[in-house]
C-alpha cells in the first residue's frame, strides 16, 4: 500500500521553502543593492553584477538544466528500457567543454548580454531579431511547457493535487522569486537546490536498491536494453548514428548558444572563472546516469512480476513510466526522506523554470523592447523584464495540451522539438566563429531555410497519423537523423549563400577564431581536468555497451 506524506515530510518541505525564501530576500535586499551600486540595474538584474565564481556558475549550469526531462523524463526512460537516453547527458559534458574552451572567450571579449546580441555583432540586426523571437518561441514550446507539465505530474502523484492546480502552483512560486531576485537569485537558489536534489536522489537510489535486494537481483529482472547505451542505426528512438552525429548538434545549440545556459557564464568574474565553471558542470553531468536513470531502472525491477506490491499507473491503456520517481518516493522511503526527495523534485523544477523565465525576460527586454525604446532607463528595463514573465506563463500553460499529441515520453518530446529548431542556430554560431567567409546574406538564407523545414516537420508530426507517402516519411524520420540533415542543409546554404556578397559588417576579427582570443596560456590544470573527463566518458561507453 502506498505511503502518504506525514508531518515530518511536510516539515522538511517547509524548511526547504523557508531557506529558499531567505536566500531570495538576501539577494533582493542586500546583494542586488550592492550590484546596482557597482554596475547599474541592468547588469545587476540580468547578469548578477558580473561577479560570479566558478563553483556557483558550474552548479547553476547543472541545476538549471536538471529539470523536467531529468527528474521525470530520464527516470521514465530508464524504467522503459531507454537507457540510451543517458547519452545526452554524457555528450553534454563534451558540449560544456566546447562552451568553455571555444565559445566563451568570444562572448566575453564582445561584451554582450545576450546571444542574439552576439549574432548582431557577427552578422546583422536581422539575425539578432530572428534568434530573439525563435528563442522565445522555443522556450515556450519546450522548457516552459514541459516543466510546467512535469510540475503538474509531481504534485498529482506526490501531494494529491490535480494536474492544473499543481502546474499553476509551480509557475506562481517560481515566478515570484525570479521577478524580484533576478539572475543572482536564480543562480544562488540553483546552488542550494542542487544540494537538496543530490541528497534526495542518492537516498532514493540507496533505499530502492536495498528494497530490491542488491545489484544481482537488479540484473536478474532487467533486460539488456536497461543497461545498453548503444542502439542499432535502425532504432526508432535513439539510433547510434543519431546519438554520435545528431545529438552533438543539439548540444552545441543548447549548451553553447542558448541564452538559458550561456547567461550564467556571461555573469562570470573573468574568463578563467567561466571556463572552470563549465568544466565543473561537465563533471556534474556524469551524475544523471546514476541518480536519475538508475532509480528508473530500479522502479522497473521493483514492479517486475504480477505479484509485485509496486505498480506503475496505467493511463489510456499505456504504462506511465514517467511516474517512476514519484512511485519510488511514496513507496520505499521512510518519513523525512520522502519530504527531502519531494523537496528535491520541486527544487529541480523550480530551478529550471526560474532560469528560463529569467533568460527569456532578458531576451524580451534587451533584444526586443530596447530596440524599439532605446531611450528606456535601466529601471524601466528591469520593470519590463519582470512584466514579460506573465506572457511566458500564459503561453506555456496554453501549449501543454498540444504537447500530448507528440509521440514519446517527456525527455524525447523535449529533445525532438529542439531538433526541429536548433540546427540552423548551431550552424550560424559554430561556422561563424570558425570562419570569416560567412556573412549576413548567408545567415539570413540559412535561418529561413531551417525555419521552414523545422516548422514543416513539427506540423507534419502532429498530423502523422493522417499522412501517407513522402509526407509520412518526412514526418517519421528519427528526430536525431532529422537534426543531422537540417544542420548539413543549413551549413551548405550558409556557406554558398555568403558567396558573391560583400559583407557590410567588417568589424568581425575579434568575433572569429584566433589563438589569442582563446587565451590558452596558464590553463594546465583545466587541460588535465578536461582530459580526465574525456577518458571517463570513454570508459563509461565501453562498460555500458
Protein backbone atom coordinates (compact mmCIF):
# COMPACT_ATOMS: atom_id res chain seq x y z
CA UNK A 1 0.00 0.00 0.00
CA UNK A 2 1.32 3.41 -0.99
CA UNK A 3 2.52 5.58 1.87
CA UNK A 4 1.44 9.13 2.39
CA UNK A 5 3.43 12.19 3.33
CA UNK A 6 3.23 12.84 7.07
CA UNK A 7 4.05 15.76 9.34
CA UNK A 8 7.80 15.06 9.23
CA UNK A 9 7.82 15.12 5.42
CA UNK A 10 5.88 18.39 5.33
CA UNK A 11 8.27 19.83 7.91
CA UNK A 12 11.23 19.06 5.64
CA UNK A 13 9.41 20.56 2.65
CA UNK A 14 8.55 23.61 4.72
CA UNK A 15 12.19 24.03 5.78
CA UNK A 16 13.23 23.92 2.12
CA UNK A 17 10.88 26.78 1.26
CA UNK A 18 12.00 28.79 4.33
CA UNK A 19 15.65 28.54 3.21
CA UNK A 20 14.64 29.38 -0.36
CA UNK A 21 12.75 32.49 0.74
CA UNK A 22 15.64 33.57 2.99
CA UNK A 23 18.11 33.32 0.08
CA UNK A 24 15.81 35.28 -2.23
CA UNK A 25 15.28 38.02 0.36
CA UNK A 26 19.02 38.27 1.00
CA UNK A 27 19.75 38.53 -2.72
CA UNK A 28 16.96 41.02 -3.34
CA UNK A 29 17.73 43.32 -0.42
CA UNK A 30 21.50 43.08 0.05
CA UNK A 31 23.30 41.63 -2.94
CA UNK A 32 21.36 43.27 -5.74
CA UNK A 33 21.64 46.63 -3.96
CA UNK A 34 25.44 46.26 -3.92
CA UNK A 35 25.46 45.16 -7.57
CA UNK A 36 23.33 48.14 -8.60
CA UNK A 37 25.76 50.49 -6.89
CA UNK A 38 28.66 48.93 -8.79
CA UNK A 39 27.25 48.27 -12.25
CA UNK A 40 23.71 49.59 -12.56
CA UNK A 41 20.26 48.00 -12.60
CA UNK A 42 20.63 46.08 -15.88
CA UNK A 43 23.93 44.37 -15.05
CA UNK A 44 22.70 43.56 -11.54
CA UNK A 45 19.34 42.11 -12.56
CA UNK A 46 20.16 40.28 -15.79
CA UNK A 47 23.81 39.25 -15.19
CA UNK A 48 24.09 39.18 -11.41
CA UNK A 49 26.57 42.04 -11.31
CA UNK A 50 29.09 40.07 -13.44
CA UNK A 51 30.95 38.75 -10.39
CA UNK A 52 30.07 35.04 -10.27
CA UNK A 53 32.65 32.44 -9.21
CA UNK A 54 33.32 29.11 -10.97
CA UNK A 55 31.61 26.96 -8.31
CA UNK A 56 28.37 28.92 -8.44
CA UNK A 57 28.45 29.02 -12.25
CA UNK A 58 29.04 25.27 -12.56
CA UNK A 59 26.37 24.38 -10.04
CA UNK A 60 23.88 26.72 -11.72
CA UNK A 61 24.63 25.31 -15.19
CA UNK A 62 23.87 21.83 -13.88
CA UNK A 63 20.89 22.70 -11.68
CA UNK A 64 19.18 24.84 -14.31
CA UNK A 65 19.47 22.02 -16.80
CA UNK A 66 18.18 19.46 -14.33
CA UNK A 67 14.51 19.98 -14.82
CA UNK A 68 11.60 18.03 -16.12
CA UNK A 69 13.42 15.93 -18.64
CA UNK A 70 15.74 14.56 -15.97
CA UNK A 71 13.56 14.07 -12.92
CA UNK A 72 10.55 12.76 -14.74
CA UNK A 73 11.79 12.00 -18.24
CA UNK A 74 15.16 10.34 -17.64
CA UNK A 75 13.84 8.18 -14.82
CA UNK A 76 10.92 7.27 -17.07
CA UNK A 77 13.34 6.44 -19.87
CA UNK A 78 15.30 4.18 -17.51
CA UNK A 79 12.14 2.36 -16.46
CA UNK A 80 11.04 1.93 -20.08
CA UNK A 81 14.39 0.42 -21.09
CA UNK A 82 15.56 3.55 -22.91
CA UNK A 83 18.99 3.62 -21.24
CA UNK A 84 20.40 5.13 -24.42
CA UNK A 85 18.76 8.43 -23.42
CA UNK A 86 21.67 8.75 -20.98
CA UNK A 87 23.88 9.54 -23.95
CA UNK A 88 22.50 13.07 -23.99
CA UNK A 89 23.98 13.60 -20.53
CA UNK A 90 27.40 12.21 -21.43
CA UNK A 91 27.57 14.20 -24.65
CA UNK A 92 26.52 17.30 -22.72
CA UNK A 93 29.86 17.11 -20.93
CA UNK A 94 31.64 17.46 -24.29
CA UNK A 95 29.40 20.40 -25.22
CA UNK A 96 30.12 22.16 -21.92
CA UNK A 97 33.84 21.83 -22.51
CA UNK A 98 33.36 23.24 -26.00
CA UNK A 99 31.49 26.16 -24.43
CA UNK A 100 34.35 26.89 -22.04
CA UNK A 101 37.27 26.33 -24.40
CA UNK A 102 35.92 27.75 -27.67
CA UNK A 103 32.78 29.89 -27.31
CA UNK A 104 33.10 31.75 -24.00
CA UNK A 105 36.27 33.68 -24.92
CA UNK A 106 34.46 35.25 -27.88
CA UNK A 107 31.35 36.01 -25.86
CA UNK A 108 33.23 37.73 -23.04
CA UNK A 109 35.51 39.57 -25.45
CA UNK A 110 32.49 41.00 -27.28
CA UNK A 111 30.90 42.23 -24.03
CA UNK A 112 27.41 41.02 -24.95
CA UNK A 113 24.48 40.44 -22.59
CA UNK A 114 22.57 38.05 -24.87
CA UNK A 115 23.21 35.54 -27.64
CA UNK A 116 21.11 37.46 -30.18
CA UNK A 117 23.29 40.49 -29.43
CA UNK A 118 26.34 38.41 -30.39
CA UNK A 119 24.69 37.41 -33.68
CA UNK A 120 24.06 41.07 -34.44
CA UNK A 121 27.74 41.85 -34.00
CA UNK A 122 28.79 38.84 -36.08
CA UNK A 123 26.12 39.04 -38.78
CA UNK A 124 23.34 41.63 -38.72
CA UNK A 125 20.45 43.17 -36.72
CA UNK A 126 18.09 40.85 -38.63
CA UNK A 127 19.90 37.80 -37.25
CA UNK A 128 19.55 39.23 -33.75
CA UNK A 129 15.80 39.71 -34.15
CA UNK A 130 15.36 36.22 -35.60
CA UNK A 131 17.19 34.49 -32.75
CA UNK A 132 15.33 36.55 -30.15
CA UNK A 133 11.91 35.55 -31.45
CA UNK A 134 12.79 31.92 -32.23
CA UNK A 135 14.40 31.50 -28.79
CA UNK A 136 11.33 32.83 -27.01
CA UNK A 137 9.09 30.54 -29.08
CA UNK A 138 11.44 27.63 -28.38
CA UNK A 139 11.33 28.24 -24.63
CA UNK A 140 7.55 28.18 -24.69
CA UNK A 141 7.42 25.06 -26.88
CA UNK A 142 9.98 23.16 -24.82
CA UNK A 143 11.29 24.27 -21.45
CA UNK A 144 8.38 26.22 -20.01
CA UNK A 145 5.56 23.96 -21.10
CA UNK A 146 7.35 20.67 -20.35
CA UNK A 147 8.48 21.89 -16.93
CA UNK A 148 5.01 23.09 -16.05
CA UNK A 149 3.56 19.75 -17.17
CA UNK A 150 6.06 17.83 -15.04
CA UNK A 151 5.23 20.04 -12.08
CA UNK A 152 1.62 19.03 -12.50
CA UNK A 153 2.58 15.34 -12.62
CA UNK A 154 4.71 15.59 -9.48
CA UNK A 155 2.08 17.47 -7.48
CA UNK A 156 -0.60 14.99 -8.56
CA UNK A 157 1.49 11.91 -7.78
CA UNK A 158 3.01 13.06 -4.51
CA UNK A 159 0.64 15.59 -3.00
CA UNK A 160 -2.70 14.52 -4.44
CA UNK A 161 -3.26 17.90 -6.11
CA UNK A 162 -4.94 17.91 -9.52
CA UNK A 163 -2.74 18.45 -12.60
CA UNK A 164 -3.65 22.04 -13.44
CA UNK A 165 -3.55 23.25 -9.85
CA UNK A 166 -0.10 21.71 -9.44
CA UNK A 167 1.09 23.31 -12.66
CA UNK A 168 -0.12 26.75 -11.59
CA UNK A 169 1.49 26.42 -8.13
CA UNK A 170 4.87 25.70 -9.72
CA UNK A 171 4.56 28.71 -12.01
CA UNK A 172 3.42 31.20 -9.39
CA UNK A 173 6.01 30.35 -6.72
CA UNK A 174 8.86 30.28 -9.21
CA UNK A 175 7.71 33.42 -10.99
CA UNK A 176 7.61 35.43 -7.77
CA UNK A 177 11.21 34.85 -6.67
CA UNK A 178 12.51 35.18 -10.24
CA UNK A 179 10.74 38.52 -10.64
CA UNK A 180 12.27 40.07 -7.55
CA UNK A 181 15.70 38.49 -7.38
CA UNK A 182 16.94 38.48 -11.00
CA UNK A 183 19.79 36.24 -12.17
CA UNK A 184 21.67 36.32 -8.88
CA UNK A 185 18.63 34.93 -7.04
CA UNK A 186 18.27 32.25 -9.72
CA UNK A 187 21.93 31.23 -9.53
CA UNK A 188 22.24 31.11 -5.73
CA UNK A 189 18.96 29.23 -5.31
CA UNK A 190 20.23 26.84 -8.00
CA UNK A 191 23.25 26.13 -5.79
CA UNK A 192 21.05 25.32 -2.81
CA UNK A 193 18.62 23.31 -4.92
CA UNK A 194 21.47 21.25 -6.36
CA UNK A 195 22.47 20.11 -2.86
CA UNK A 196 18.89 19.15 -1.98
CA UNK A 197 18.42 17.34 -5.28
CA UNK A 198 21.66 15.38 -4.95
CA UNK A 199 20.99 14.26 -1.37
CA UNK A 200 17.43 13.24 -2.22
CA UNK A 201 18.48 11.29 -5.34
CA UNK A 202 21.24 9.42 -3.52
CA UNK A 203 18.84 8.47 -0.72
CA UNK A 204 16.24 7.27 -3.23
CA UNK A 205 18.76 5.13 -5.11
CA UNK A 206 20.10 3.56 -1.91
CA UNK A 207 16.70 2.62 -0.49
CA UNK A 208 15.39 1.37 -3.84
CA UNK A 209 18.42 -0.88 -4.28
CA UNK A 210 18.09 -2.15 -0.71
CA UNK A 211 14.39 -2.88 -1.21
CA UNK A 212 15.15 -4.84 -4.38
CA UNK A 213 17.89 -6.93 -2.79
CA UNK A 214 21.06 -5.66 -4.43
CA UNK A 215 22.79 -5.47 -7.81
CA UNK A 216 22.45 -9.19 -8.60
CA UNK A 217 18.68 -9.09 -8.25
CA UNK A 218 18.61 -5.99 -10.43
CA UNK A 219 20.47 -7.83 -13.18
CA UNK A 220 18.13 -10.81 -12.87
CA UNK A 221 14.89 -8.91 -13.57
CA UNK A 222 16.06 -6.35 -16.13
CA UNK A 223 16.84 -6.68 -19.83
CA UNK A 224 19.92 -5.74 -21.84
CA UNK A 225 18.11 -2.61 -23.03
CA UNK A 226 18.13 -1.29 -19.46
CA UNK A 227 21.95 -1.07 -19.45
CA UNK A 228 22.93 -0.65 -23.10
CA UNK A 229 23.97 2.81 -24.27
CA UNK A 230 24.11 1.84 -27.93
CA UNK A 231 21.17 1.10 -30.21
CA UNK A 232 21.25 -0.07 -33.85
CA UNK A 233 21.07 2.56 -36.59
CA UNK A 234 17.52 1.41 -37.34
CA UNK A 235 16.27 2.07 -33.80
CA UNK A 236 13.27 4.43 -33.99
CA UNK A 237 14.19 6.42 -30.87
CA UNK A 238 17.94 6.51 -30.14
CA UNK A 239 19.97 5.10 -33.09
CA UNK A 240 23.73 5.17 -32.55
CA UNK A 241 24.18 7.21 -35.71
CA UNK A 242 21.81 9.84 -34.37
CA UNK A 243 23.49 9.78 -30.95
CA UNK A 244 27.02 10.30 -32.29
CA UNK A 245 26.23 12.78 -35.07
CA UNK A 246 22.83 14.28 -34.29
CA UNK A 247 22.91 14.74 -30.52
CA UNK A 248 26.11 16.88 -30.60
CA UNK A 249 24.28 19.33 -32.87
CA UNK A 250 21.57 19.74 -30.24
CA UNK A 251 24.35 20.00 -27.66
CA UNK A 252 26.14 22.84 -29.45
CA UNK A 253 22.90 24.79 -29.69
CA UNK A 254 21.70 24.16 -26.13
CA UNK A 255 24.98 24.37 -24.20
CA UNK A 256 26.98 26.79 -26.35
CA UNK A 257 24.50 29.21 -27.94
CA UNK A 258 21.29 29.18 -25.87
CA UNK A 259 20.64 32.18 -23.63
CA UNK A 260 19.17 29.86 -21.00
CA UNK A 261 22.62 28.34 -20.40
CA UNK A 262 25.15 30.90 -21.62
CA UNK A 263 23.76 33.70 -19.46
CA UNK A 264 25.48 32.05 -16.49
CA UNK A 265 28.97 32.22 -17.94
CA UNK A 266 28.36 35.77 -19.13
CA UNK A 267 27.96 36.63 -15.43
CA UNK A 268 31.45 35.31 -14.55
CA UNK A 269 34.13 37.48 -12.96
CA UNK A 270 36.51 36.67 -15.83
CA UNK A 271 37.31 34.07 -18.49
CA UNK A 272 39.16 31.74 -16.13
CA UNK A 273 36.22 31.57 -13.71
CA UNK A 274 33.82 30.98 -16.60
CA UNK A 275 35.98 28.18 -18.01
CA UNK A 276 36.41 26.49 -14.62
CA UNK A 277 32.65 26.66 -14.16
CA UNK A 278 31.98 24.83 -17.44
CA UNK A 279 34.48 22.09 -16.55
CA UNK A 280 32.90 21.67 -13.11
CA UNK A 281 29.48 21.39 -14.74
CA UNK A 282 30.89 18.81 -17.19
CA UNK A 283 31.83 16.52 -14.32
CA UNK A 284 28.42 17.03 -12.73
CA UNK A 285 26.80 15.86 -15.99
CA UNK A 286 28.17 12.36 -15.35
CA UNK A 287 25.85 12.08 -12.33
CA UNK A 288 22.38 11.77 -14.00
CA UNK A 289 23.17 8.23 -15.18
CA UNK A 290 23.43 7.15 -11.55
CA UNK A 291 21.00 9.44 -9.72
CA UNK A 292 18.16 9.75 -12.27
CA UNK A 293 18.30 6.88 -14.78
CA UNK A 294 19.25 4.18 -12.27
CA UNK A 295 16.26 4.89 -9.96
CA UNK A 296 14.02 4.49 -13.02
CA UNK A 297 15.56 1.10 -13.74
CA UNK A 298 15.12 0.15 -10.09
CA UNK A 299 11.47 1.18 -10.31
CA UNK A 300 11.03 -1.20 -13.25
CA UNK A 301 12.75 -4.01 -11.34
CA UNK A 302 10.56 -3.49 -8.29
CA UNK A 303 7.41 -3.75 -10.40
CA UNK A 304 8.52 -6.94 -12.17
CA UNK A 305 6.07 -9.81 -11.78
CA UNK A 306 2.28 -9.85 -11.36
CA UNK A 307 2.51 -10.21 -7.59
CA UNK A 308 4.70 -7.18 -7.01
CA UNK A 309 3.23 -4.68 -4.50
CA UNK A 310 4.59 -1.86 -6.65
CA UNK A 311 2.99 -0.96 -9.98
CA UNK A 312 3.14 1.87 -12.48
CA UNK A 313 -0.13 3.69 -13.16
CA UNK A 314 -1.94 2.80 -16.39
CA UNK A 315 -3.24 5.78 -18.40
CA UNK A 316 -5.28 5.21 -21.57
CA UNK A 317 -4.10 1.59 -21.64
CA UNK A 318 -0.40 2.56 -21.53
CA UNK A 319 2.08 2.14 -18.69
CA UNK A 320 3.05 5.58 -17.35
CA UNK A 321 6.80 5.10 -16.90
CA UNK A 322 7.23 8.85 -16.32
CA UNK A 323 5.75 8.23 -12.84
CA UNK A 324 8.84 6.19 -11.82
CA UNK A 325 10.34 8.69 -9.38
CA UNK A 326 7.06 9.63 -7.66
CA UNK A 327 6.18 5.95 -7.33
CA UNK A 328 9.51 5.11 -5.69
CA UNK A 329 9.37 8.12 -3.42
CA UNK A 330 5.97 7.30 -2.00
CA UNK A 331 6.54 3.56 -1.62
CA UNK A 332 10.05 2.87 -0.34
CA UNK A 333 11.35 5.91 1.51
CA UNK A 334 10.91 6.47 5.26
CA UNK A 335 9.31 9.59 6.66
CA UNK A 336 11.51 12.66 6.42
CA UNK A 337 13.44 11.34 3.44
CA UNK A 338 10.22 11.35 1.45
CA UNK A 339 10.00 15.05 2.22
CA UNK A 340 13.64 15.53 1.19
CA UNK A 341 13.10 13.85 -2.19
CA UNK A 342 9.88 15.78 -2.79
CA UNK A 343 11.82 18.96 -1.98
CA UNK A 344 14.49 17.87 -4.46
CA UNK A 345 11.91 17.26 -7.17
CA UNK A 346 10.29 20.63 -6.55
CA UNK A 347 13.72 22.29 -6.38
CA UNK A 348 14.78 20.96 -9.75
CA UNK A 349 11.57 22.01 -11.41
CA UNK A 350 11.76 25.48 -9.90
CA UNK A 351 15.44 25.97 -10.75
CA UNK A 352 14.82 25.05 -14.37
CA UNK A 353 11.72 27.21 -14.66
CA UNK A 354 13.27 30.21 -12.90
CA UNK A 355 16.23 30.04 -15.24
CA UNK A 356 14.13 30.03 -18.36
CA UNK A 357 11.93 32.84 -17.04
CA UNK A 358 14.99 34.97 -16.33
CA UNK A 359 16.66 34.20 -19.66
CA UNK A 360 13.51 34.76 -21.67
CA UNK A 361 12.75 38.04 -19.93
CA UNK A 362 16.32 39.11 -20.72
CA UNK A 363 15.70 38.48 -24.42
CA UNK A 364 12.35 40.27 -24.42
CA UNK A 365 13.79 43.28 -22.61
CA UNK A 366 17.24 43.76 -24.11
CA UNK A 367 16.76 42.37 -27.63
CA UNK A 368 13.17 43.39 -28.39
CA UNK A 369 11.91 46.15 -26.09
CA UNK A 370 15.14 48.17 -26.02
CA UNK A 371 15.29 48.01 -29.83
CA UNK A 372 12.03 49.96 -30.07
CA UNK A 373 12.53 52.09 -26.95
CA UNK A 374 16.28 52.83 -26.93
CA UNK A 375 15.83 55.74 -24.51
CA UNK A 376 14.41 53.50 -21.76
CA UNK A 377 16.09 53.89 -18.37
CA UNK A 378 17.72 50.94 -16.60
CA UNK A 379 14.93 50.95 -14.02
CA UNK A 380 12.34 50.74 -16.80
CA UNK A 381 14.21 47.87 -18.46
CA UNK A 382 14.18 45.84 -15.24
CA UNK A 383 10.44 46.51 -14.88
CA UNK A 384 9.81 45.30 -18.44
CA UNK A 385 11.83 42.16 -17.69
CA UNK A 386 9.59 41.44 -14.71
CA UNK A 387 6.31 42.06 -16.55
CA UNK A 388 7.29 39.87 -19.51
CA UNK A 389 7.11 36.77 -17.30
CA UNK A 390 3.30 36.93 -17.32
CA UNK A 391 3.20 36.34 -21.07
CA UNK A 392 5.51 33.35 -20.73
CA UNK A 393 3.37 31.78 -18.04
CA UNK A 394 0.17 32.03 -20.08
CA UNK A 395 1.82 30.81 -23.28
CA UNK A 396 3.44 27.84 -21.53
CA UNK A 397 0.16 26.74 -19.97
CA UNK A 398 -1.64 27.05 -23.32
CA UNK A 399 0.87 24.78 -25.08
CA UNK A 400 0.62 21.85 -22.64
CA UNK A 401 -2.41 20.17 -24.28
CA UNK A 402 -0.64 20.15 -27.65
CA UNK A 403 2.47 18.58 -26.10
CA UNK A 404 0.47 15.41 -25.52
CA UNK A 405 -0.05 14.98 -29.27
CA UNK A 406 3.67 14.47 -29.88
CA UNK A 407 4.84 10.85 -29.57
CA UNK A 408 7.24 9.69 -26.86
CA UNK A 409 7.93 10.47 -23.23
CA UNK A 410 8.81 13.84 -21.79
CA UNK A 411 12.52 13.54 -22.40
CA UNK A 412 12.08 12.53 -26.02
CA UNK A 413 9.46 15.23 -26.59
CA UNK A 414 11.86 17.92 -25.47
CA UNK A 415 14.77 16.59 -27.49
CA UNK A 416 12.67 16.12 -30.63
CA UNK A 417 11.25 19.66 -30.62
CA UNK A 418 14.76 21.02 -30.08
CA UNK A 419 15.90 19.03 -33.11
CA UNK A 420 13.46 20.98 -35.26
CA UNK A 421 14.62 24.48 -34.26
CA UNK A 422 18.25 24.23 -33.16
CA UNK A 423 20.41 23.08 -36.15
CA UNK A 424 20.27 26.40 -38.10
CA UNK A 425 21.28 28.37 -35.00
CA UNK A 426 24.08 25.91 -34.18
CA UNK A 427 25.39 26.26 -37.75
CA UNK A 428 25.47 30.06 -37.57
CA UNK A 429 27.38 30.18 -34.30
CA UNK A 430 29.83 27.36 -34.97
CA UNK A 431 30.72 28.27 -38.56
CA UNK A 432 30.53 31.99 -37.78
CA UNK A 433 33.20 31.64 -35.11
CA UNK A 434 35.43 29.35 -37.17
CA UNK A 435 35.32 31.25 -40.48
CA UNK A 436 35.31 34.89 -41.62
CA UNK A 437 33.91 33.91 -45.05
CA UNK A 438 30.27 33.55 -43.99
CA UNK A 439 28.18 36.72 -43.75
CA UNK A 440 24.76 38.21 -43.10
CA UNK A 441 23.33 37.21 -46.51
CA UNK A 442 24.18 33.53 -45.99
CA UNK A 443 22.96 33.72 -42.38
CA UNK A 444 19.55 35.02 -43.44
CA UNK A 445 19.11 32.34 -46.09
CA UNK A 446 20.22 29.57 -43.71
CA UNK A 447 17.88 30.68 -40.92
CA UNK A 448 14.86 30.97 -43.22
CA UNK A 449 15.58 27.57 -44.76
CA UNK A 450 15.92 25.99 -41.33
CA UNK A 451 12.76 27.64 -40.04
CA UNK A 452 10.70 26.39 -43.00
CA UNK A 453 11.95 22.81 -42.72
CA UNK A 454 11.74 22.71 -38.91
CA UNK A 455 8.19 24.07 -38.70
CA UNK A 456 7.12 21.78 -41.53
CA UNK A 457 8.44 18.78 -39.65
CA UNK A 458 6.71 19.81 -36.39
CA UNK A 459 3.35 20.37 -38.10
CA UNK A 460 3.54 17.11 -40.04
CA UNK A 461 4.46 15.13 -36.92
CA UNK A 462 1.33 16.43 -35.21
CA UNK A 463 -0.64 15.15 -38.24
CA UNK A 464 1.36 11.97 -38.83
CA UNK A 465 -1.48 9.53 -38.24
CA UNK A 466 -3.34 11.01 -41.23
CA UNK A 467 -0.36 11.14 -43.63
CA UNK A 468 0.85 8.84 -46.39
CA UNK A 469 3.70 8.68 -48.89
CA UNK A 470 6.54 11.24 -48.84
CA UNK A 471 4.84 13.41 -46.22
CA UNK A 472 4.64 10.47 -43.81
CA UNK A 473 8.28 9.56 -44.47
CA UNK A 474 9.38 13.13 -43.74
CA UNK A 475 7.37 13.19 -40.50
CA UNK A 476 8.67 9.76 -39.48
CA UNK A 477 12.42 10.41 -39.82
CA UNK A 478 14.10 9.91 -36.45
CA UNK A 479 14.46 13.31 -34.80
CA UNK A 480 18.24 12.92 -34.39
CA UNK A 481 18.68 11.98 -38.04
CA UNK A 482 16.49 14.95 -38.94
CA UNK A 483 18.81 17.20 -36.89
CA UNK A 484 21.82 15.93 -38.88
CA UNK A 485 20.05 16.54 -42.17
CA UNK A 486 18.89 20.01 -41.17
CA UNK A 487 22.33 21.03 -39.89
CA UNK A 488 24.01 19.94 -43.14
CA UNK A 489 21.43 21.72 -45.30
CA UNK A 490 21.68 24.96 -43.29
CA UNK A 491 25.50 24.84 -43.27
CA UNK A 492 25.58 24.45 -47.06
CA UNK A 493 23.08 27.28 -47.50
CA UNK A 494 25.08 29.48 -45.09
CA UNK A 495 28.36 28.85 -46.94
CA UNK A 496 27.16 29.18 -50.51
CA UNK A 497 24.64 31.89 -49.68
CA UNK A 498 27.54 34.04 -48.43
CA UNK A 499 29.39 33.84 -51.78
CA UNK A 500 29.28 36.71 -54.22
CA UNK A 501 28.08 39.04 -51.48
CA UNK A 502 30.14 41.84 -49.97
CA UNK A 503 29.51 41.99 -46.23
CA UNK A 504 28.66 45.33 -44.66
CA UNK A 505 29.86 44.06 -41.30
CA UNK A 506 33.63 44.48 -41.43
CA UNK A 507 34.44 44.55 -37.69
CA UNK A 508 34.45 40.80 -37.00
CA UNK A 509 38.12 40.00 -36.38
CA UNK A 510 37.63 39.54 -32.63
CA UNK A 511 34.44 37.54 -33.24
CA UNK A 512 36.12 34.79 -35.27
CA UNK A 513 38.70 32.16 -34.45
CA UNK A 514 42.17 33.15 -33.28
CA UNK A 515 44.51 31.62 -30.73
CA UNK A 516 44.90 34.93 -28.94
CA UNK A 517 41.21 35.22 -28.14
CA UNK A 518 41.08 31.68 -26.75
CA UNK A 519 43.71 32.51 -24.07
CA UNK A 520 45.16 29.02 -23.68
CA UNK A 521 48.20 30.07 -21.63
CA UNK A 522 48.25 29.12 -17.95
CA UNK A 523 45.47 26.54 -18.38
CA UNK A 524 47.39 23.40 -17.36
CA UNK A 525 45.00 22.39 -14.56
CA UNK A 526 41.94 22.92 -16.74
CA UNK A 527 43.54 20.88 -19.54
CA UNK A 528 44.30 17.99 -17.16
CA UNK A 529 40.76 18.00 -15.75
CA UNK A 530 39.26 18.08 -19.24
CA UNK A 531 41.42 15.12 -20.29
CA UNK A 532 40.34 13.11 -17.22
CA UNK A 533 36.72 13.86 -18.05
CA UNK A 534 37.04 12.71 -21.66
CA UNK A 535 38.71 9.46 -20.59
CA UNK A 536 35.95 8.87 -18.01
CA UNK A 537 33.27 9.16 -20.68
CA UNK A 538 35.06 6.67 -22.93
CA UNK A 539 35.27 4.21 -20.02
CA UNK A 540 31.51 4.56 -19.43
CA UNK A 541 30.85 3.97 -23.13
CA UNK A 542 32.87 0.75 -23.02
CA UNK A 543 31.39 -0.56 -19.76
CA UNK A 544 27.77 0.06 -20.83
CA UNK A 545 27.95 -1.34 -24.35
